[in-house]
Amino acid sequence: MSVEEKFDSAKDQVVGKAKEVEGKVTGDKAREAEGKAQGVRGKVKDAVADVKDAVKNAVDDFKEDSKKDSNQ
């Protein structure tokens, strides 16, 4: 996961939590829901980045194994 992706997902989680708390304090259910949604979006971005990294690693491993097999 790149630094930009980490920052972006963390920003969404933090800003989402702030909006959620603001909504709870002010009794604004829409703002609270908006905050929860933004927090979830940040978590989803984390998960997607983790999957991208796992796929990239798997592809890289496959390429390495293929090179070793072809050299034998």
PDB file of N, CA and C in Angstrom:
ATOM      1  N   MET A   1       0.859  -1.161   0.000  1.00  0.00           N
ATOM      2  CA  MET A   1       0.000   0.000   0.000  1.00  0.00           C
ATOM      3  C   MET A   1       0.904   1.223   0.000  1.00  0.00           C
ATOM      4  N   SER A   2       0.619   2.122  -0.908  1.00  0.00           N
ATOM      5  CA  SER A   2       1.447   3.322  -1.001  1.00  0.00           C
ATOM      6  C   SER A   2       1.133   4.283   0.149  1.00  0.00           C
ATOM      7  N   VAL A   3       2.029   5.179   0.371  1.00  0.00           N
ATOM      8  CA  VAL A   3       1.844   6.181   1.423  1.00  0.00           C
ATOM      9  C   VAL A   3       0.592   7.009   1.145  1.00  0.00           C
ATOM     10  N   GLU A   4       0.370   7.334  -0.122  1.00  0.00           N
ATOM     11  CA  GLU A   4      -0.814   8.126  -0.477  1.00  0.00           C
ATOM     12  C   GLU A   4      -2.097   7.370  -0.164  1.00  0.00           C
ATOM     13  N   GLU A   5      -2.113   6.068  -0.454  1.00  0.00           N
ATOM     14  CA  GLU A   5      -3.294   5.259  -0.153  1.00  0.00           C
ATOM     15  C   GLU A   5      -3.524   5.167   1.348  1.00  0.00           C
ATOM     16  N   LYS A   6      -2.445   4.981   2.100  1.00  0.00           N
ATOM     17  CA  LYS A   6      -2.559   4.915   3.561  1.00  0.00           C
ATOM     18  C   LYS A   6      -3.107   6.225   4.109  1.00  0.00           C
ATOM     19  N   PHE A   7      -2.559   7.330   3.620  1.00  0.00           N
ATOM     20  CA  PHE A   7      -3.000   8.640   4.089  1.00  0.00           C
ATOM     21  C   PHE A   7      -4.468   8.866   3.749  1.00  0.00           C
ATOM     22  N   ASP A   8      -4.858   8.538   2.530  1.00  0.00           N
ATOM     23  CA  ASP A   8      -6.224   8.757   2.079  1.00  0.00           C
ATOM     24  C   ASP A   8      -7.224   7.946   2.898  1.00  0.00           C
ATOM     25  N   SER A   9      -6.910   6.687   3.150  1.00  0.00           N
ATOM     26  CA  SER A   9      -7.837   5.858   3.923  1.00  0.00           C
ATOM     27  C   SER A   9      -7.873   6.303   5.387  1.00  0.00           C
ATOM     28  N   ALA A  10      -6.727   6.663   5.941  1.00  0.00           N
ATOM     29  CA  ALA A  10      -6.687   7.148   7.324  1.00  0.00           C
ATOM     30  C   ALA A  10      -7.452   8.460   7.457  1.00  0.00           C
ATOM     31  N   LYS A  11      -7.308   9.326   6.460  1.00  0.00           N
ATOM     32  CA  LYS A  11      -8.036  10.603   6.476  1.00  0.00           C
ATOM     33  C   LYS A  11      -9.532  10.358   6.490  1.00  0.00           C
ATOM     34  N   ASP A  12     -10.002   9.453   5.634  1.00  0.00           N
ATOM     35  CA  ASP A  12     -11.427   9.145   5.596  1.00  0.00           C
ATOM     36  C   ASP A  12     -11.914   8.594   6.929  1.00  0.00           C
ATOM     37  N   GLN A  13     -11.110   7.741   7.541  1.00  0.00           N
ATOM     38  CA  GLN A  13     -11.512   7.168   8.826  1.00  0.00           C
ATOM     39  C   GLN A  13     -11.579   8.225   9.927  1.00  0.00           C
ATOM     40  N   VAL A  14     -10.585   9.100   9.970  1.00  0.00           N
ATOM     41  CA  VAL A  14     -10.544  10.133  11.013  1.00  0.00           C
ATOM     42  C   VAL A  14     -11.647  11.167  10.805  1.00  0.00           C
ATOM     43  N   VAL A  15     -11.779  11.655   9.581  1.00  0.00           N
ATOM     44  CA  VAL A  15     -12.808  12.657   9.291  1.00  0.00           C
ATOM     45  C   VAL A  15     -14.190  12.043   9.495  1.00  0.00           C
ATOM     46  N   GLY A  16     -14.347  10.792   9.094  1.00  0.00           N
ATOM     47  CA  GLY A  16     -15.625  10.122   9.299  1.00  0.00           C
ATOM     48  C   GLY A  16     -15.983  10.011  10.764  1.00  0.00           C
ATOM     49  N   LYS A  17     -15.012   9.647  11.589  1.00  0.00           N
ATOM     50  CA  LYS A  17     -15.265   9.539  13.029  1.00  0.00           C
ATOM     51  C   LYS A  17     -15.627  10.902  13.615  1.00  0.00           C
ATOM     52  N   ALA A  18     -14.950  11.948  13.166  1.00  0.00           N
ATOM     53  CA  ALA A  18     -15.248  13.302  13.655  1.00  0.00           C
ATOM     54  C   ALA A  18     -16.674  13.697  13.284  1.00  0.00           C
ATOM     55  N   LYS A  19     -17.079  13.406  12.054  1.00  0.00           N
ATOM     56  CA  LYS A  19     -18.449  13.728  11.626  1.00  0.00           C
ATOM     57  C   LYS A  19     -19.470  12.908  12.418  1.00  0.00           C
ATOM     58  N   GLU A  20     -19.140  11.662  12.658  1.00  0.00           N
ATOM     59  CA  GLU A  20     -20.046  10.797  13.420  1.00  0.00           C
ATOM     60  C   GLU A  20     -20.248  11.337  14.834  1.00  0.00           C
ATOM     61  N   VAL A  21     -19.159  11.713  15.491  1.00  0.00           N
ATOM     62  CA  VAL A  21     -19.239  12.267  16.846  1.00  0.00           C
ATOM     63  C   VAL A  21     -19.996  13.591  16.828  1.00  0.00           C
ATOM     64  N   GLU A  22     -19.694  14.431  15.853  1.00  0.00           N
ATOM     65  CA  GLU A  22     -20.401  15.710  15.728  1.00  0.00           C
ATOM     66  C   GLU A  22     -21.906  15.468  15.599  1.00  0.00           C
ATOM     67  N   GLY A  23     -22.275  14.500  14.775  1.00  0.00           N
ATOM     68  CA  GLY A  23     -23.687  14.183  14.596  1.00  0.00           C
ATOM     69  C   GLY A  23     -24.330  13.695  15.873  1.00  0.00           C
ATOM     70  N   LYS A  24     -23.618  12.864  16.619  1.00  0.00           N
ATOM     71  CA  LYS A  24     -24.150  12.371  17.898  1.00  0.00           C
ATOM     72  C   LYS A  24     -24.348  13.510  18.890  1.00  0.00           C
ATOM     73  N   VAL A  25     -23.353  14.395  18.973  1.00  0.00           N
ATOM     74  CA  VAL A  25     -23.398  15.495  19.936  1.00  0.00           C
ATOM     75  C   VAL A  25     -24.526  16.478  19.600  1.00  0.00           C
ATOM     76  N   THR A  26     -24.692  16.762  18.318  1.00  0.00           N
ATOM     77  CA  THR A  26     -25.694  17.746  17.903  1.00  0.00           C
ATOM     78  C   THR A  26     -27.069  17.130  17.639  1.00  0.00           C
ATOM     79  N   GLY A  27     -27.136  15.788  17.662  1.00  0.00           N
ATOM     80  CA  GLY A  27     -28.396  15.132  17.379  1.00  0.00           C
ATOM     81  C   GLY A  27     -28.745  15.101  15.897  1.00  0.00           C
ATOM     82  N   ASP A  28     -27.749  15.348  15.056  1.00  0.00           N
ATOM     83  CA  ASP A  28     -27.944  15.365  13.604  1.00  0.00           C
ATOM     84  C   ASP A  28     -27.678  13.953  13.071  1.00  0.00           C
ATOM     85  N   LYS A  29     -28.755  13.196  12.886  1.00  0.00           N
ATOM     86  CA  LYS A  29     -28.636  11.804  12.443  1.00  0.00           C
ATOM     87  C   LYS A  29     -28.020  11.692  11.046  1.00  0.00           C
ATOM     88  N   ALA A  30     -28.317  12.651  10.183  1.00  0.00           N
ATOM     89  CA  ALA A  30     -27.756  12.625   8.824  1.00  0.00           C
ATOM     90  C   ALA A  30     -26.239  12.792   8.875  1.00  0.00           C
ATOM     91  N   ARG A  31     -25.772  13.714   9.703  1.00  0.00           N
ATOM     92  CA  ARG A  31     -24.324  13.939   9.829  1.00  0.00           C
ATOM     93  C   ARG A  31     -23.649  12.717  10.440  1.00  0.00           C
ATOM     94  N   GLU A  32     -24.311  12.119  11.415  1.00  0.00           N
ATOM     95  CA  GLU A  32     -23.780  10.915  12.046  1.00  0.00           C
ATOM     96  C   GLU A  32     -23.657   9.784  11.014  1.00  0.00           C
ATOM     97  N   ALA A  33     -24.692   9.606  10.207  1.00  0.00           N
ATOM     98  CA  ALA A  33     -24.667   8.571   9.177  1.00  0.00           C
ATOM     99  C   ALA A  33     -23.609   8.863   8.124  1.00  0.00           C
ATOM    100  N   GLU A  34     -23.465  10.134   7.767  1.00  0.00           N
ATOM    101  CA  GLU A  34     -22.431  10.531   6.802  1.00  0.00           C
ATOM    102  C   GLU A  34     -21.043  10.168   7.338  1.00  0.00           C
ATOM    103  N   GLY A  35     -20.835  10.417   8.617  1.00  0.00           N
ATOM    104  CA  GLY A  35     -19.553  10.091   9.241  1.00  0.00           C
ATOM    105  C   GLY A  35     -19.289   8.601   9.265  1.00  0.00           C
ATOM    106  N   LYS A  36     -20.323   7.829   9.604  1.00  0.00           N
ATOM    107  CA  LYS A  36     -20.157   6.376   9.609  1.00  0.00           C
ATOM    108  C   LYS A  36     -19.814   5.875   8.214  1.00  0.00           C
ATOM    109  N   ALA A  37     -20.510   6.407   7.216  1.00  0.00           N
ATOM    110  CA  ALA A  37     -20.258   5.992   5.830  1.00  0.00           C
ATOM    111  C   ALA A  37     -18.834   6.330   5.403  1.00  0.00           C
ATOM    112  N   GLN A  38     -18.369   7.510   5.776  1.00  0.00           N
ATOM    113  CA  GLN A  38     -17.015   7.911   5.394  1.00  0.00           C
ATOM    114  C   GLN A  38     -15.978   7.040   6.105  1.00  0.00           C
ATOM    115  N   GLY A  39     -16.242   6.694   7.350  1.00  0.00           N
ATOM    116  CA  GLY A  39     -15.336   5.805   8.079  1.00  0.00           C
ATOM    117  C   GLY A  39     -15.257   4.431   7.438  1.00  0.00           C
ATOM    118  N   VAL A  40     -16.414   3.922   7.030  1.00  0.00           N
ATOM    119  CA  VAL A  40     -16.451   2.624   6.352  1.00  0.00           C
ATOM    120  C   VAL A  40     -15.705   2.704   5.026  1.00  0.00           C
ATOM    121  N   ARG A  41     -15.879   3.818   4.318  1.00  0.00           N
ATOM    122  CA  ARG A  41     -15.176   4.001   3.039  1.00  0.00           C
ATOM    123  C   ARG A  41     -13.663   3.918   3.253  1.00  0.00           C
ATOM    124  N   GLY A  42     -13.176   4.522   4.329  1.00  0.00           N
ATOM    125  CA  GLY A  42     -11.743   4.452   4.639  1.00  0.00           C
ATOM    126  C   GLY A  42     -11.295   3.029   4.908  1.00  0.00           C
ATOM    127  N   LYS A  43     -12.108   2.270   5.642  1.00  0.00           N
ATOM    128  CA  LYS A  43     -11.770   0.875   5.926  1.00  0.00           C
ATOM    129  C   LYS A  43     -11.787   0.038   4.654  1.00  0.00           C
ATOM    130  N   VAL A  44     -12.751   0.304   3.776  1.00  0.00           N
ATOM    131  CA  VAL A  44     -12.827  -0.418   2.510  1.00  0.00           C
ATOM    132  C   VAL A  44     -11.595  -0.120   1.653  1.00  0.00           C
ATOM    133  N   LYS A  45     -11.184   1.148   1.637  1.00  0.00           N
ATOM    134  CA  LYS A  45      -9.976   1.502   0.881  1.00  0.00           C
ATOM    135  C   LYS A  45      -8.776   0.717   1.392  1.00  0.00           C
ATOM    136  N   ASP A  46      -8.679   0.560   2.725  1.00  0.00           N
ATOM    137  CA  ASP A  46      -7.600  -0.243   3.314  1.00  0.00           C
ATOM    138  C   ASP A  46      -7.671  -1.676   2.809  1.00  0.00           C
ATOM    139  N   ALA A  47      -8.857  -2.250   2.851  1.00  0.00           N
ATOM    140  CA  ALA A  47      -9.032  -3.639   2.437  1.00  0.00           C
ATOM    141  C   ALA A  47      -8.692  -3.823   0.960  1.00  0.00           C
ATOM    142  N   VAL A  48      -9.139  -2.891   0.122  1.00  0.00           N
ATOM    143  CA  VAL A  48      -8.847  -2.979  -1.312  1.00  0.00           C
ATOM    144  C   VAL A  48      -7.342  -2.890  -1.555  1.00  0.00           C
ATOM    145  N   ALA A  49      -6.687  -1.999  -0.855  1.00  0.00           N
ATOM    146  CA  ALA A  49      -5.235  -1.853  -1.012  1.00  0.00           C
ATOM    147  C   ALA A  49      -4.521  -3.131  -0.565  1.00  0.00           C
ATOM    148  N   ASP A  50      -5.016  -3.756   0.511  1.00  0.00           N
ATOM    149  CA  ASP A  50      -4.417  -5.007   0.980  1.00  0.00           C
ATOM    150  C   ASP A  50      -4.577  -6.113  -0.065  1.00  0.00           C
ATOM    151  N   VAL A  51      -5.755  -6.167  -0.685  1.00  0.00           N
ATOM    152  CA  VAL A  51      -5.992  -7.174  -1.724  1.00  0.00           C
ATOM    153  C   VAL A  51      -5.090  -6.918  -2.922  1.00  0.00           C
ATOM    154  N   LYS A  52      -4.971  -5.652  -3.321  1.00  0.00           N
ATOM    155  CA  LYS A  52      -4.081  -5.309  -4.438  1.00  0.00           C
ATOM    156  C   LYS A  52      -2.654  -5.755  -4.144  1.00  0.00           C
ATOM    157  N   ASP A  53      -2.202  -5.500  -2.923  1.00  0.00           N
ATOM    158  CA  ASP A  53      -0.851  -5.904  -2.538  1.00  0.00           C
ATOM    159  C   ASP A  53      -0.700  -7.427  -2.575  1.00  0.00           C
ATOM    160  N   ALA A  54      -1.693  -8.141  -2.081  1.00  0.00           N
ATOM    161  CA  ALA A  54      -1.634  -9.600  -2.059  1.00  0.00           C
ATOM    162  C   ALA A  54      -1.596 -10.162  -3.477  1.00  0.00           C
ATOM    163  N   VAL A  55      -2.412  -9.604  -4.369  1.00  0.00           N
ATOM    164  CA  VAL A  55      -2.419 -10.065  -5.755  1.00  0.00           C
ATOM    165  C   VAL A  55      -1.076  -9.772  -6.416  1.00  0.00           C
ATOM    166  N   LYS A  56      -0.552  -8.585  -6.186  1.00  0.00           N
ATOM    167  CA  LYS A  56       0.743  -8.229  -6.764  1.00  0.00           C
ATOM    168  C   LYS A  56       1.834  -9.179  -6.266  1.00  0.00           C
ATOM    169  N   ASN A  57       1.821  -9.473  -4.979  1.00  0.00           N
ATOM    170  CA  ASN A  57       2.815 -10.403  -4.425  1.00  0.00           C
ATOM    171  C   ASN A  57       2.662 -11.795  -5.019  1.00  0.00           C
ATOM    172  N   ALA A  58       1.419 -12.245  -5.189  1.00  0.00           N
ATOM    173  CA  ALA A  58       1.183 -13.562  -5.769  1.00  0.00           C
ATOM    174  C   ALA A  58       1.681 -13.618  -7.213  1.00  0.00           C
ATOM    175  N   VAL A  59       1.423 -12.568  -7.966  1.00  0.00           N
ATOM    176  CA  VAL A  59       1.890 -12.513  -9.357  1.00  0.00           C
ATOM    177  C   VAL A  59       3.415 -12.498  -9.398  1.00  0.00           C
ATOM    178  N   ASP A  60       4.014 -11.695  -8.536  1.00  0.00           N
ATOM    179  CA  ASP A  60       5.480 -11.642  -8.485  1.00  0.00           C
ATOM    180  C   ASP A  60       6.070 -13.014  -8.124  1.00  0.00           C
ATOM    181  N   ASP A  61       5.452 -13.690  -7.150  1.00  0.00           N
ATOM    182  CA  ASP A  61       5.921 -15.023  -6.768  1.00  0.00           C
ATOM    183  C   ASP A  61       5.791 -15.999  -7.926  1.00  0.00           C
ATOM    184  N   PHE A  62       4.674 -15.919  -8.640  1.00  0.00           N
ATOM    185  CA  PHE A  62       4.458 -16.795  -9.791  1.00  0.00           C
ATOM    186  C   PHE A  62       5.526 -16.551 -10.855  1.00  0.00           C
ATOM    187  N   LYS A  63       5.821 -15.282 -11.106  1.00  0.00           N
ATOM    188  CA  LYS A  63       6.858 -14.956 -12.090  1.00  0.00           C
ATOM    189  C   LYS A  63       8.208 -15.527 -11.664  1.00  0.00           C
ATOM    190  N   GLU A  64       8.539 -15.381 -10.387  1.00  0.00           N
ATOM    191  CA  GLU A  64       9.804 -15.914  -9.856  1.00  0.00           C
ATOM    192  C   GLU A  64       9.859 -17.428 -10.049  1.00  0.00           C
ATOM    193  N   ASP A  65       8.756 -18.106  -9.687  1.00  0.00           N
ATOM    194  CA  ASP A  65       8.721 -19.570  -9.821  1.00  0.00           C
ATOM    195  C   ASP A  65       8.835 -19.985 -11.285  1.00  0.00           C
ATOM    196  N   SER A  66       8.192 -19.231 -12.168  1.00  0.00           N
ATOM    197  CA  SER A  66       8.242 -19.553 -13.590  1.00  0.00           C
ATOM    198  C   SER A  66       9.652 -19.407 -14.133  1.00  0.00           C
ATOM    199  N   LYS A  67      10.363 -18.393 -13.683  1.00  0.00           N
ATOM    200  CA  LYS A  67      11.749 -18.192 -14.120  1.00  0.00           C
ATOM    201  C   LYS A  67      12.630 -19.348 -13.647  1.00  0.00           C
ATOM    202  N   LYS A  68      12.415 -19.762 -12.401  1.00  0.00           N
ATOM    203  CA  LYS A  68      13.221 -20.860 -11.852  1.00  0.00           C
ATOM    204  C   LYS A  68      12.937 -22.144 -12.622  1.00  0.00           C
ATOM    205  N   ASP A  69      11.670 -22.395 -12.920  1.00  0.00           N
ATOM    206  CA  ASP A  69      11.294 -23.612 -13.657  1.00  0.00           C
ATOM    207  C   ASP A  69      11.867 -23.614 -15.065  1.00  0.00           C
ATOM    208  N   SER A  70      11.886 -22.459 -15.712  1.00  0.00           N
ATOM    209  CA  SER A  70      12.371 -22.409 -17.093  1.00  0.00           C
ATOM    210  C   SER A  70      13.889 -22.509 -17.171  1.00  0.00           C
ATOM    211  N   ASN A  71      14.569 -22.207 -16.077  1.00  0.00           N
ATOM    212  CA  ASN A  71      16.031 -22.270 -16.062  1.00  0.00           C
ATOM    213  C   ASN A  71      16.527 -23.673 -15.722  1.00  0.00           C
ATOM    214  N   GLN A  72      15.663 -24.571 -15.363  1.00  0.00           N
ATOM    215  CA  GLN A  72      16.102 -25.909 -14.977  1.00  0.00           C
ATOM    216  C   GLN A  72      16.154 -26.840 -16.135  1.00  0.00           C
TER     217      GLN A  72
END
